[in-house]
Amino acid sequence: MKYTKTHNKITKLLSVMLCFWMVFSFSSCGEEDKDVKPAQYGTYGADFALDLAQSFPYRDAFSAGEQGAGVMIKNELENLGYQVEIQLVAASASESSSNYIVRIPGEGFMQRDSFGEYNPVHKTVVIGAHYDSPVKYSQRIDYPLYDGIQNNACGIGALMTIAKEMYGKKYAYDIILVAFGASSSNYLGARTFVYSLSDEERRSIDCMYCIESIYAGDKLYGHSGLSSLKAGNKYSYRRKLYEAYDVAYENSLMSETGTDLYYNMSLLSFDANADGIDDIYREVTTVQSDHTVFDNLSIPIVFFESSDYNFTKLSDMKETKNLTLQTYGGAVRNTPLDSSITLKESLDETRLETRINVVSFIVVKAVEKGSKDCVPVSKYNEGERLAPTVSPKKKEEKMASLSEAAAKERSRSQE
């Protein structure tokens, strides 16, 4: 009997301890979830960027190296589960490249007008990076360690990370991921892609996100296009840039990852877009890439790159002030310094991984923010609405005016 009572007490004690452990464990799991930091995508993007660069170091437009790099990207996208569209990029009968395209259909939006009425609409974001590099195999003696990790294997690493993170998820936007070929031939890949779209498809593009050379520069920058300098365009054409900065701020990326997203705040005054009017050199760049083709068609862009704009003269601006990388005046792109071996020795060992993951995180979260004056269809069906920007009284006045105009038109037709 004594043993039985003692046994029961021990059993009860163990039960209480077990319950306590379970509660503590679930609580700890919850705390761990809360402690998950942003942009923690691991080494996937950096590993792919290094593999691409080192496997095909000389991948100039239309070369065998570029072709091999493109096939590598295609195979990896298919391994992630995507169907890949191959778009021919032809410079001539004997010179051609390819764009590798992934399309992720979105659920669409319900777009609100100023009176609070909604209509269904589909909008698109294009996310792109080029995979070719400007240095040729014939230049290998002058560029012995070159592999184009800065221009632009790192951008492709970010594109692949975005593809990995987006796979299997549902977005309101129609999303197009593009690995552009032949960028070093006057952005021929981007040009071929955008001109293959119909006018309606081009009009549906809310933003083109372009990723290039995000690794070796001192700071990570986001820019809007030169089209945002035109009168009346500034805010509407920079809205997506501001959303990218919102993501960085809202997720405390500087404190959480050690990497922030910077504006070009040089505030120099000169004619940046060659329209004969001096511009304030702020939130834009004169650096060209695949985004330039979209920008020239007045499609809003966000261009990610790394450099250093903290100078008082445009001619002094450079990619890096790093004292070990000054052989070419602080330039890395298109120089023998664009080497994963050289840059690994000169930069902190986690920079490639961190920069790729931060840019990927910003793009993914910016896409999730959706489009101005729009509600994703699923949320609209759940009852979400936006406040109208025009008072009901003005709406009634407009409707009365439309009815009056329609009545006058009917009267004219009867006469």
Protein backbone atom coordinates (compact mmCIF):
# COMPACT_ATOMS: atom_id res chain seq x y z
CA MET A 1 0.00 0.00 0.00
CA LYS A 2 2.81 2.34 0.91
CA TYR A 3 4.52 1.54 -2.41
CA THR A 4 1.27 2.23 -4.28
CA LYS A 5 0.82 5.65 -2.66
CA THR A 6 4.43 6.57 -3.31
CA HIS A 7 4.12 5.36 -6.88
CA ASN A 8 0.97 7.47 -7.40
CA LYS A 9 2.72 10.55 -6.02
CA ILE A 10 5.67 10.03 -8.32
CA THR A 11 3.33 9.49 -11.27
CA LYS A 12 1.47 12.72 -10.51
CA LEU A 13 4.76 14.60 -10.13
CA LEU A 14 6.02 13.27 -13.45
CA SER A 15 2.73 14.22 -15.12
CA VAL A 16 2.98 17.77 -13.81
CA MET A 17 6.60 18.00 -14.96
CA LEU A 18 5.65 16.64 -18.38
CA CYS A 19 2.86 19.18 -18.76
CA PHE A 20 5.21 21.97 -17.70
CA TRP A 21 7.82 20.80 -20.20
CA MET A 22 5.25 20.68 -23.01
CA VAL A 23 3.97 24.18 -22.23
CA PHE A 24 7.53 25.49 -22.02
CA SER A 25 8.45 23.77 -25.28
CA PHE A 26 5.48 25.21 -27.19
CA SER A 27 6.22 28.61 -25.69
CA SER A 28 9.86 28.34 -26.71
CA CYS A 29 8.84 27.38 -30.25
CA GLY A 30 6.70 30.49 -30.41
CA GLU A 31 9.58 32.62 -29.21
CA GLU A 32 11.88 31.06 -31.81
CA ASP A 33 9.38 31.91 -34.55
CA LYS A 34 9.32 35.49 -33.37
CA ASP A 35 13.12 35.62 -33.40
CA VAL A 36 13.47 34.58 -37.05
CA LYS A 37 15.46 37.32 -38.74
CA PRO A 38 14.67 38.74 -42.20
CA ALA A 39 16.63 37.73 -45.30
CA GLN A 40 17.84 34.45 -43.81
CA TYR A 41 17.88 32.45 -47.04
CA GLY A 42 21.12 30.63 -46.41
CA THR A 43 23.96 30.19 -48.89
CA TYR A 44 21.88 29.06 -51.89
CA GLY A 45 22.19 32.27 -53.93
CA ALA A 46 25.85 32.86 -53.12
CA ASP A 47 26.71 29.25 -53.91
CA PHE A 48 24.96 29.44 -57.27
CA ALA A 49 26.61 32.77 -58.12
CA LEU A 50 30.07 31.38 -57.36
CA ASP A 51 29.38 28.17 -59.28
CA LEU A 52 28.18 30.14 -62.32
CA ALA A 53 31.12 32.53 -62.24
CA GLN A 54 33.78 29.86 -61.80
CA SER A 55 32.22 27.42 -64.27
CA PHE A 56 31.91 30.03 -67.05
CA PRO A 57 34.28 32.92 -66.26
CA TYR A 58 34.40 34.28 -69.82
CA ARG A 59 30.77 34.51 -70.93
CA ASP A 60 30.64 37.47 -73.28
CA ALA A 61 27.57 37.92 -75.48
CA PHE A 62 27.06 35.19 -78.12
CA SER A 63 29.98 33.09 -76.83
CA ALA A 64 30.10 29.43 -75.85
CA GLY A 65 30.68 30.52 -72.25
CA GLU A 66 27.48 32.59 -72.28
CA GLN A 67 25.56 29.68 -73.77
CA GLY A 68 26.86 27.32 -71.08
CA ALA A 69 25.92 29.78 -68.33
CA GLY A 70 22.42 30.11 -69.77
CA VAL A 71 21.89 26.35 -69.85
CA MET A 72 23.08 26.15 -66.23
CA ILE A 73 20.47 28.74 -65.21
CA LYS A 74 17.73 26.99 -67.17
CA ASN A 75 18.53 23.62 -65.57
CA GLU A 76 18.50 25.09 -62.07
CA LEU A 77 15.15 26.84 -62.64
CA GLU A 78 13.72 23.52 -63.82
CA ASN A 79 15.18 21.79 -60.77
CA LEU A 80 13.29 24.32 -58.65
CA GLY A 81 10.09 23.18 -60.36
CA TYR A 82 9.54 25.85 -63.00
CA GLN A 83 8.73 25.59 -66.68
CA VAL A 84 11.30 27.73 -68.49
CA GLU A 85 10.63 29.62 -71.71
CA ILE A 86 13.65 30.11 -73.96
CA GLN A 87 13.53 33.31 -76.02
CA LEU A 88 15.95 33.68 -78.92
CA VAL A 89 18.04 36.86 -78.80
CA ALA A 90 19.48 37.32 -82.28
CA ALA A 91 22.04 39.94 -83.24
CA SER A 92 22.61 38.49 -86.69
CA ALA A 93 22.38 35.20 -88.57
CA SER A 94 25.60 34.05 -86.89
CA GLU A 95 25.31 35.67 -83.44
CA SER A 96 22.57 34.76 -81.01
CA SER A 97 21.88 34.45 -77.31
CA SER A 98 18.88 33.50 -75.17
CA ASN A 99 16.64 34.91 -72.48
CA TYR A 100 15.40 32.40 -69.91
CA ILE A 101 11.92 33.33 -68.73
CA VAL A 102 9.70 32.07 -65.92
CA ARG A 103 6.10 33.24 -65.63
CA ILE A 104 4.23 33.05 -62.31
CA PRO A 105 0.53 33.82 -62.88
CA GLY A 106 -1.07 35.98 -60.21
CA GLU A 107 -4.59 36.01 -58.85
CA GLY A 108 -5.08 39.62 -59.94
CA PHE A 109 -6.36 42.72 -58.20
CA MET A 110 -9.59 44.58 -57.68
CA GLN A 111 -8.69 48.18 -58.50
CA ARG A 112 -10.51 50.98 -56.73
CA ASP A 113 -11.42 54.18 -58.52
CA SER A 114 -11.61 57.49 -56.69
CA PHE A 115 -15.28 56.91 -55.86
CA GLY A 116 -14.71 53.53 -54.24
CA GLU A 117 -15.93 51.40 -57.14
CA TYR A 118 -13.87 48.29 -57.99
CA ASN A 119 -12.94 46.61 -61.23
CA PRO A 120 -10.80 43.49 -61.85
CA VAL A 121 -7.34 44.07 -63.28
CA HIS A 122 -4.12 42.15 -63.84
CA LYS A 123 -0.77 43.86 -63.28
CA THR A 124 2.76 42.61 -63.83
CA VAL A 125 6.18 42.95 -62.26
CA VAL A 126 9.32 41.95 -64.17
CA ILE A 127 12.37 40.88 -62.16
CA GLY A 128 15.54 40.56 -64.19
CA ALA A 129 19.32 40.17 -64.16
CA HIS A 130 21.76 39.51 -66.98
CA TYR A 131 24.06 36.50 -66.96
CA ASP A 132 26.63 37.45 -69.60
CA SER A 133 29.80 39.42 -68.87
CA PRO A 134 31.81 41.76 -71.10
CA VAL A 135 35.23 40.07 -70.88
CA LYS A 136 36.12 37.59 -73.63
CA TYR A 137 38.08 34.36 -73.48
CA SER A 138 40.63 35.94 -75.82
CA GLN A 139 41.38 38.48 -73.05
CA ARG A 140 42.21 35.82 -70.47
CA ILE A 141 45.94 36.69 -70.33
CA ASP A 142 45.11 40.25 -69.23
CA TYR A 143 42.27 39.00 -67.00
CA PRO A 144 43.75 35.83 -65.47
CA LEU A 145 41.53 35.57 -62.36
CA TYR A 146 38.44 37.19 -63.88
CA ASP A 147 35.07 35.43 -63.51
CA GLY A 148 32.50 38.26 -63.45
CA ILE A 149 31.20 37.59 -59.93
CA GLN A 150 30.40 41.31 -59.61
CA ASN A 151 29.09 41.75 -63.13
CA ASN A 152 26.84 39.89 -62.92
CA ALA A 153 26.91 36.43 -61.37
CA CYS A 154 25.87 38.00 -58.05
CA GLY A 155 22.74 39.45 -59.68
CA ILE A 156 21.85 36.03 -61.05
CA GLY A 157 22.38 34.61 -57.56
CA ALA A 158 19.73 37.02 -56.29
CA LEU A 159 17.37 36.19 -59.18
CA MET A 160 17.67 32.48 -58.40
CA THR A 161 17.07 33.11 -54.69
CA ILE A 162 13.92 35.06 -55.54
CA ALA A 163 12.78 32.21 -57.79
CA LYS A 164 13.38 29.71 -54.99
CA GLU A 165 11.51 31.79 -52.43
CA MET A 166 8.56 32.47 -54.75
CA TYR A 167 8.04 28.89 -55.89
CA GLY A 168 4.65 27.49 -54.93
CA LYS A 169 3.40 30.76 -53.44
CA LYS A 170 0.45 32.81 -54.67
CA TYR A 171 0.81 36.47 -55.52
CA ALA A 172 -1.62 39.09 -56.76
CA TYR A 173 0.83 40.26 -59.41
CA ASP A 174 1.64 38.31 -62.54
CA ILE A 175 5.39 37.86 -62.06
CA ILE A 176 7.96 37.41 -64.82
CA LEU A 177 11.49 36.37 -63.91
CA VAL A 178 14.05 36.87 -66.67
CA ALA A 179 17.72 35.93 -66.96
CA PHE A 180 18.78 38.26 -69.78
CA GLY A 181 21.40 37.30 -72.35
CA ALA A 182 23.55 39.66 -74.43
CA SER A 183 23.33 42.56 -72.01
CA SER A 184 26.85 43.61 -73.00
CA SER A 185 25.60 44.03 -76.58
CA ASN A 186 23.56 47.19 -75.94
CA TYR A 187 21.15 45.30 -73.64
CA LEU A 188 19.92 43.21 -76.52
CA GLY A 189 18.33 40.57 -74.27
CA ALA A 190 16.25 43.12 -72.38
CA ARG A 191 15.41 44.91 -75.64
CA THR A 192 14.27 41.66 -77.27
CA PHE A 193 12.12 40.79 -74.28
CA VAL A 194 10.35 44.11 -73.86
CA TYR A 195 9.67 44.55 -77.59
CA SER A 196 8.22 41.05 -77.77
CA LEU A 197 5.41 42.25 -75.50
CA SER A 198 2.20 43.74 -76.82
CA ASP A 199 1.32 47.35 -75.98
CA GLU A 200 -1.23 46.03 -73.48
CA GLU A 201 1.35 43.78 -71.82
CA ARG A 202 3.82 46.66 -71.51
CA ARG A 203 1.12 48.88 -70.01
CA SER A 204 0.39 46.20 -67.40
CA ILE A 205 3.95 46.38 -66.00
CA ASP A 206 3.85 48.15 -62.65
CA CYS A 207 7.60 47.89 -62.16
CA MET A 208 10.78 46.34 -63.54
CA TYR A 209 13.25 45.30 -60.82
CA CYS A 210 16.80 45.09 -62.19
CA ILE A 211 19.66 43.52 -60.20
CA GLU A 212 23.29 44.06 -61.15
CA SER A 213 26.70 44.22 -59.45
CA ILE A 214 25.42 44.18 -55.86
CA TYR A 215 28.51 42.57 -54.33
CA ALA A 216 31.76 44.55 -54.51
CA GLY A 217 30.59 48.17 -54.11
CA ASP A 218 30.86 49.83 -50.71
CA LYS A 219 27.10 50.39 -50.29
CA LEU A 220 23.95 48.78 -51.61
CA TYR A 221 21.80 51.27 -53.54
CA GLY A 222 18.31 51.39 -54.98
CA HIS A 223 17.52 53.83 -57.81
CA SER A 224 14.52 54.90 -59.81
CA GLY A 225 14.76 55.57 -63.54
CA LEU A 226 15.67 58.78 -65.32
CA SER A 227 12.04 58.93 -66.53
CA SER A 228 11.17 59.93 -62.96
CA LEU A 229 12.95 63.25 -63.61
CA LYS A 230 10.27 64.35 -66.06
CA ALA A 231 7.79 66.93 -64.81
CA GLY A 232 4.89 65.29 -63.02
CA ASN A 233 6.57 61.86 -62.85
CA LYS A 234 8.66 62.12 -59.71
CA TYR A 235 6.41 60.50 -57.12
CA SER A 236 4.46 58.09 -59.34
CA TYR A 237 7.65 56.80 -60.99
CA ARG A 238 9.47 56.48 -57.67
CA ARG A 239 6.68 54.82 -55.69
CA LYS A 240 8.15 51.35 -56.14
CA LEU A 241 11.57 52.59 -55.04
CA TYR A 242 10.02 54.02 -51.89
CA GLU A 243 8.30 50.68 -51.26
CA ALA A 244 11.69 48.97 -51.43
CA TYR A 245 13.02 51.40 -48.82
CA ASP A 246 9.92 50.77 -46.70
CA VAL A 247 10.78 47.06 -46.69
CA ALA A 248 14.32 47.83 -45.51
CA TYR A 249 13.04 50.16 -42.78
CA GLU A 250 10.10 48.07 -41.60
CA ASN A 251 12.30 44.98 -41.22
CA SER A 252 15.27 46.82 -39.64
CA LEU A 253 17.60 45.32 -42.23
CA MET A 254 20.57 47.39 -41.10
CA SER A 255 20.43 46.19 -37.51
CA GLU A 256 19.33 42.66 -38.41
CA THR A 257 21.72 41.95 -41.28
CA GLY A 258 24.35 44.70 -41.20
CA THR A 259 23.29 45.79 -44.70
CA ASP A 260 21.08 48.75 -45.51
CA LEU A 261 19.58 50.04 -48.75
CA TYR A 262 20.84 53.53 -49.58
CA TYR A 263 19.57 56.41 -51.69
CA ASN A 264 21.88 58.30 -54.01
CA MET A 265 21.82 61.50 -51.96
CA SER A 266 24.65 63.38 -53.71
CA LEU A 267 22.27 66.22 -54.68
CA LEU A 268 24.52 67.33 -57.54
CA SER A 269 22.86 69.47 -60.18
CA PHE A 270 23.36 68.65 -63.87
CA ASP A 271 21.38 67.45 -66.90
CA ALA A 272 21.16 63.76 -66.03
CA ASN A 273 18.66 62.70 -68.72
CA ALA A 274 19.89 64.93 -71.59
CA ASP A 275 16.67 66.93 -71.92
CA GLY A 276 18.36 70.31 -71.64
CA ILE A 277 17.20 70.89 -68.05
CA ASP A 278 19.43 70.55 -64.99
CA ASP A 279 18.29 67.84 -62.59
CA ILE A 280 18.94 67.14 -58.93
CA TYR A 281 20.97 63.92 -58.88
CA ARG A 282 18.95 62.22 -56.16
CA GLU A 283 17.33 58.75 -56.09
CA VAL A 284 18.52 58.10 -59.66
CA THR A 285 21.76 57.03 -61.34
CA THR A 286 23.37 57.50 -64.73
CA VAL A 287 24.62 53.88 -64.60
CA GLN A 288 22.92 51.91 -67.36
CA SER A 289 21.85 48.29 -67.39
CA ASP A 290 18.91 46.19 -68.58
CA HIS A 291 16.55 48.55 -66.76
CA THR A 292 17.49 51.29 -69.22
CA VAL A 293 15.39 49.70 -71.98
CA PHE A 294 12.29 49.72 -69.74
CA ASP A 295 13.02 53.20 -68.41
CA ASN A 296 13.22 54.56 -71.97
CA LEU A 297 9.68 53.24 -72.52
CA SER A 298 8.48 55.07 -69.39
CA ILE A 299 8.04 51.87 -67.38
CA PRO A 300 8.83 52.47 -63.67
CA ILE A 301 12.00 50.69 -62.56
CA VAL A 302 13.95 49.92 -59.40
CA PHE A 303 17.65 49.31 -60.07
CA PHE A 304 19.76 47.62 -57.40
CA GLU A 305 23.54 48.01 -57.55
CA SER A 306 26.50 48.57 -55.22
CA SER A 307 28.78 51.58 -55.45
CA ASP A 308 29.69 54.75 -53.55
CA TYR A 309 27.97 58.05 -54.37
CA ASN A 310 29.39 59.99 -51.43
CA PHE A 311 31.41 62.44 -53.50
CA THR A 312 31.02 66.08 -54.46
CA LYS A 313 31.75 65.50 -58.16
CA LEU A 314 30.21 62.96 -60.52
CA SER A 315 33.62 62.19 -62.00
CA ASP A 316 34.95 61.16 -58.55
CA MET A 317 32.27 58.56 -57.87
CA LYS A 318 33.48 54.98 -57.79
CA GLU A 319 32.39 51.51 -56.79
CA THR A 320 34.67 51.22 -53.79
CA LYS A 321 37.05 53.14 -51.55
CA ASN A 322 38.56 49.86 -50.34
CA LEU A 323 42.32 50.49 -50.33
CA THR A 324 43.08 47.01 -51.65
CA LEU A 325 40.84 47.57 -54.69
CA GLN A 326 42.19 50.85 -56.08
CA THR A 327 44.26 49.47 -58.98
CA TYR A 328 41.65 50.79 -61.43
CA GLY A 329 40.59 53.91 -59.54
CA GLY A 330 38.01 52.16 -57.39
CA ALA A 331 36.35 50.37 -60.31
CA VAL A 332 35.67 46.63 -60.12
CA ARG A 333 33.20 46.01 -62.93
CA ASN A 334 34.86 45.21 -66.24
CA THR A 335 38.34 45.08 -64.67
CA PRO A 336 40.60 42.15 -63.68
CA LEU A 337 39.49 42.79 -60.08
CA ASP A 338 36.07 41.30 -60.90
CA SER A 339 37.19 37.95 -59.56
CA SER A 340 35.69 35.82 -56.81
CA ILE A 341 39.22 34.96 -55.66
CA THR A 342 40.40 38.58 -55.51
CA LEU A 343 37.23 39.91 -53.91
CA LYS A 344 37.08 37.15 -51.31
CA GLU A 345 40.51 38.30 -50.10
CA SER A 346 39.50 41.98 -49.98
CA LEU A 347 35.93 41.84 -48.63
CA ASP A 348 34.32 40.27 -45.59
CA GLU A 349 33.52 36.64 -46.25
CA THR A 350 29.76 36.92 -45.72
CA ARG A 351 29.14 39.95 -47.94
CA LEU A 352 28.18 38.02 -51.08
CA GLU A 353 25.63 35.90 -49.22
CA THR A 354 24.23 38.85 -47.26
CA ARG A 355 23.91 41.22 -50.22
CA ILE A 356 22.18 38.56 -52.35
CA ASN A 357 19.78 37.64 -49.55
CA VAL A 358 18.97 41.24 -48.63
CA VAL A 359 18.16 42.25 -52.22
CA SER A 360 16.09 39.08 -52.70
CA PHE A 361 14.17 39.75 -49.48
CA ILE A 362 13.47 43.36 -50.46
CA VAL A 363 12.14 42.37 -53.88
CA VAL A 364 9.94 39.54 -52.54
CA LYS A 365 8.44 41.73 -49.80
CA ALA A 366 7.98 44.69 -52.16
CA VAL A 367 6.02 42.45 -54.55
CA GLU A 368 3.86 41.32 -51.63
CA LYS A 369 2.94 44.96 -50.94
CA GLY A 370 0.88 44.95 -54.11
CA SER A 371 -0.23 47.83 -56.29
CA LYS A 372 -1.55 51.31 -55.49
CA ASP A 373 -5.34 51.57 -55.11
CA CYS A 374 -5.65 47.80 -55.47
CA VAL A 375 -6.76 44.90 -53.28
CA PRO A 376 -5.75 41.33 -54.13
CA VAL A 377 -8.77 39.37 -55.34
CA SER A 378 -8.63 36.92 -52.42
CA LYS A 379 -8.61 39.74 -49.86
CA TYR A 380 -11.37 41.56 -51.72
CA ASN A 381 -13.48 38.41 -51.51
CA GLU A 382 -12.80 38.33 -47.77
CA GLY A 383 -14.25 41.83 -47.47
CA GLU A 384 -11.17 44.07 -47.56
CA ARG A 385 -11.80 47.53 -49.02
CA LEU A 386 -9.90 50.80 -49.40
CA ALA A 387 -11.36 54.15 -48.41
CA PRO A 388 -12.61 56.20 -51.38
CA THR A 389 -10.65 59.37 -52.12
CA VAL A 390 -13.68 61.36 -53.27
CA SER A 391 -16.63 62.21 -51.04
CA PRO A 392 -20.01 60.53 -51.69
CA LYS A 393 -21.48 63.94 -52.46
CA LYS A 394 -19.03 64.49 -55.32
CA LYS A 395 -19.76 61.00 -56.55
CA GLU A 396 -23.48 61.79 -56.66
CA GLU A 397 -22.72 65.00 -58.52
CA LYS A 398 -20.58 63.16 -61.06
CA MET A 399 -23.24 60.48 -61.60
CA ALA A 400 -25.91 63.16 -62.04
CA SER A 401 -23.67 64.94 -64.54
CA LEU A 402 -23.12 61.71 -66.49
CA SER A 403 -26.86 61.01 -66.53
CA GLU A 404 -27.56 64.54 -67.76
CA ALA A 405 -24.98 64.20 -70.51
CA ALA A 406 -26.46 60.84 -71.56
CA ALA A 407 -29.95 62.35 -71.68
CA LYS A 408 -28.74 65.22 -73.88
CA GLU A 409 -27.04 62.72 -76.20
CA ARG A 410 -30.25 60.70 -76.53
CA SER A 411 -32.19 63.89 -77.25
CA ARG A 412 -29.75 64.85 -80.01
CA SER A 413 -29.97 61.43 -81.61
CA GLN A 414 -33.78 61.56 -81.62
CA GLU A 415 -33.70 64.91 -83.40
